[in-house]
């Protein structure tokens, strides 16, 4: 009788661990979706900033000499810094390297019969790697947006000064 109870308790414990493991895999999927979303957002932000760089570049010579032109060049440099700060995060080669690592780890899981503890360690590994990638992207995106916004503000000030003090 004691042996049957121990077996039932072990089965319940195993069942709880399997449910926890399923929840862990769901967490991996959620963090992966968050990373994918941030990658797409970052790509769109960088594209918009590149458009701003090109637009301002085409207008740099139209600003009057003196403070307006100097401010316009500063704005252009800030926009360039904004794009440069995000470049390493959205470079196709870097993203491909990160995701190929994840995919190779996943294929190793599907090919090997893992124990619950080994699978739990793998879930932890995936979650930590994806979380670190998400934090890097989020931090880089904040810096890039701040630099881009500052560049836009400086360009606006250059335009206002030019219109206010250098009007024809």
Protein backbone atom coordinates (compact mmCIF):
# COMPACT_ATOMS: atom_id res chain seq x y z
CA UNK A 1 0.00 0.00 0.00
CA UNK A 2 2.84 2.37 0.89
CA UNK A 3 4.47 1.63 -2.47
CA UNK A 4 1.26 2.57 -4.34
CA UNK A 5 1.02 5.89 -2.46
CA UNK A 6 4.66 6.72 -3.25
CA UNK A 7 4.06 5.94 -6.92
CA UNK A 8 0.96 8.13 -6.99
CA UNK A 9 2.82 10.98 -5.28
CA UNK A 10 5.65 10.63 -7.79
CA UNK A 11 3.14 10.69 -10.66
CA UNK A 12 1.52 13.87 -9.25
CA UNK A 13 4.93 15.50 -8.80
CA UNK A 14 5.88 14.58 -12.39
CA UNK A 15 2.56 15.92 -13.67
CA UNK A 16 3.15 19.25 -11.88
CA UNK A 17 6.65 19.49 -13.35
CA UNK A 18 5.34 18.80 -16.85
CA UNK A 19 2.72 21.57 -16.44
CA UNK A 20 5.43 23.93 -15.20
CA UNK A 21 7.57 22.97 -18.19
CA UNK A 22 4.66 23.67 -20.55
CA UNK A 23 4.28 27.09 -18.92
CA UNK A 24 8.02 27.65 -19.40
CA UNK A 25 7.78 26.87 -23.12
CA UNK A 26 4.84 29.26 -23.36
CA UNK A 27 7.01 31.93 -21.72
CA UNK A 28 9.72 31.26 -24.31
CA UNK A 29 7.16 31.79 -27.08
CA UNK A 30 5.94 35.04 -25.50
CA UNK A 31 9.46 36.43 -25.09
CA UNK A 32 10.28 35.37 -28.66
CA UNK A 33 7.20 37.21 -29.94
CA UNK A 34 8.27 40.28 -27.96
CA UNK A 35 11.77 40.12 -29.46
CA UNK A 36 10.33 39.74 -32.97
CA UNK A 37 8.07 42.74 -32.41
CA UNK A 38 10.96 44.87 -31.15
CA UNK A 39 13.08 43.85 -34.14
CA UNK A 40 10.33 44.93 -36.52
CA UNK A 41 9.79 48.21 -34.65
CA UNK A 42 13.51 48.90 -34.63
CA UNK A 43 13.74 48.29 -38.36
CA UNK A 44 10.90 50.75 -39.01
CA UNK A 45 12.43 53.39 -36.72
CA UNK A 46 15.81 53.09 -38.42
CA UNK A 47 14.16 53.37 -41.84
CA UNK A 48 12.37 56.55 -40.78
CA UNK A 49 15.60 57.99 -39.40
CA UNK A 50 17.42 57.23 -42.65
CA UNK A 51 14.70 59.14 -44.51
CA UNK A 52 15.29 62.05 -42.10
CA UNK A 53 19.04 61.95 -42.73
CA UNK A 54 18.56 62.00 -46.50
CA UNK A 55 15.93 64.74 -46.30
CA UNK A 56 18.06 66.96 -44.11
CA UNK A 57 21.15 66.22 -46.22
CA UNK A 58 19.41 67.53 -49.31
CA UNK A 59 18.54 70.76 -47.49
CA UNK A 60 21.80 71.51 -45.67
CA UNK A 61 22.98 73.97 -48.34
CA UNK A 62 19.70 75.89 -48.22
CA UNK A 63 20.28 77.05 -44.63
CA UNK A 64 21.84 80.48 -44.24
CA UNK A 65 25.46 80.71 -43.10
CA UNK A 66 25.93 81.07 -39.37
CA UNK A 67 23.84 79.54 -36.60
CA UNK A 68 21.10 78.05 -38.84
CA UNK A 69 23.58 76.08 -40.93
CA UNK A 70 25.62 75.02 -37.91
CA UNK A 71 22.47 73.80 -36.15
CA UNK A 72 21.36 71.97 -39.30
CA UNK A 73 24.69 70.14 -39.45
CA UNK A 74 24.42 69.28 -35.76
CA UNK A 75 20.91 67.93 -36.37
CA UNK A 76 22.20 65.86 -39.28
CA UNK A 77 25.00 64.46 -37.11
CA UNK A 78 22.51 63.56 -34.37
CA UNK A 79 20.33 61.72 -36.87
CA UNK A 80 23.39 59.90 -38.16
CA UNK A 81 24.30 58.93 -34.58
CA UNK A 82 20.74 57.71 -34.02
CA UNK A 83 20.93 55.35 -37.00
CA UNK A 84 24.46 54.29 -36.15
CA UNK A 85 23.47 53.41 -32.60
CA UNK A 86 20.86 50.94 -33.88
CA UNK A 87 22.80 49.57 -36.84
CA UNK A 88 24.48 46.75 -34.95
CA UNK A 89 21.14 45.58 -33.56
CA UNK A 90 19.27 45.34 -36.85
CA UNK A 91 22.07 44.30 -39.17
CA UNK A 92 20.79 41.24 -41.04
CA UNK A 93 23.96 39.30 -40.32
CA UNK A 94 23.69 39.88 -36.57
CA UNK A 95 20.01 38.96 -36.44
CA UNK A 96 20.62 35.88 -38.59
CA UNK A 97 23.42 34.78 -36.23
CA UNK A 98 21.22 35.22 -33.14
CA UNK A 99 18.25 33.34 -34.62
CA UNK A 100 20.40 30.57 -36.12
CA UNK A 101 21.78 29.92 -32.62
CA UNK A 102 18.25 29.65 -31.25
CA UNK A 103 17.10 27.40 -34.09
CA UNK A 104 20.08 25.06 -33.72
CA UNK A 105 19.33 24.75 -29.99
CA UNK A 106 15.69 23.95 -30.77
CA UNK A 107 16.66 21.30 -33.32
CA UNK A 108 18.93 19.70 -30.71
CA UNK A 109 15.93 19.45 -28.38
CA UNK A 110 13.73 17.77 -30.96
CA UNK A 111 16.43 15.24 -31.86
CA UNK A 112 17.37 14.21 -28.34
CA UNK A 113 15.12 12.67 -25.74
CA UNK A 114 15.62 14.96 -22.78
CA UNK A 115 14.74 14.47 -19.17
CA UNK A 116 12.44 16.99 -17.53
CA UNK A 117 15.39 18.61 -15.78
CA UNK A 118 17.37 18.91 -19.02
CA UNK A 119 14.37 20.38 -20.80
CA UNK A 120 13.79 22.82 -17.94
CA UNK A 121 17.43 23.94 -18.20
CA UNK A 122 16.93 24.46 -21.93
CA UNK A 123 13.79 26.53 -21.33
CA UNK A 124 15.75 28.64 -18.86
CA UNK A 125 18.59 29.03 -21.41
CA UNK A 126 16.18 30.15 -24.16
CA UNK A 127 14.33 32.52 -21.87
CA UNK A 128 17.53 34.14 -20.64
CA UNK A 129 18.97 34.50 -24.16
CA UNK A 130 15.78 35.98 -25.56
CA UNK A 131 15.38 38.25 -22.56
CA UNK A 132 18.94 39.57 -22.98
CA UNK A 133 18.30 40.20 -26.71
CA UNK A 134 15.05 42.00 -25.85
CA UNK A 135 16.79 44.21 -23.29
CA UNK A 136 19.58 45.09 -25.75
CA UNK A 137 17.05 46.00 -28.44
CA UNK A 138 14.90 48.01 -26.03
CA UNK A 139 17.86 49.95 -24.66
CA UNK A 140 19.25 50.63 -28.14
CA UNK A 141 15.84 51.70 -29.41
CA UNK A 142 15.44 54.18 -26.54
CA UNK A 143 18.84 55.73 -27.25
CA UNK A 144 18.20 55.87 -30.99
CA UNK A 145 14.78 57.48 -30.59
CA UNK A 146 16.19 60.02 -28.12
CA UNK A 147 19.00 60.97 -30.51
CA UNK A 148 16.60 61.16 -33.46
CA UNK A 149 14.14 63.32 -31.53
CA UNK A 150 16.94 65.61 -30.40
CA UNK A 151 18.15 65.89 -34.01
CA UNK A 152 14.65 66.75 -35.17
CA UNK A 153 14.38 69.40 -32.45
CA UNK A 154 17.72 70.95 -33.39
CA UNK A 155 16.67 71.02 -37.07
CA UNK A 156 13.44 72.76 -36.07
CA UNK A 157 15.37 75.36 -34.06
CA UNK A 158 17.67 75.94 -37.05
CA UNK A 159 14.64 76.50 -39.27
CA UNK A 160 12.99 78.86 -36.76
CA UNK A 161 16.17 80.91 -36.32
CA UNK A 162 16.61 81.11 -40.06
CA UNK A 163 13.03 82.30 -40.64
CA UNK A 164 13.07 84.70 -37.70
CA UNK A 165 16.45 86.37 -38.23
CA UNK A 166 17.43 85.71 -41.84
CA UNK A 167 14.14 86.43 -43.61
CA UNK A 168 14.53 87.97 -47.07
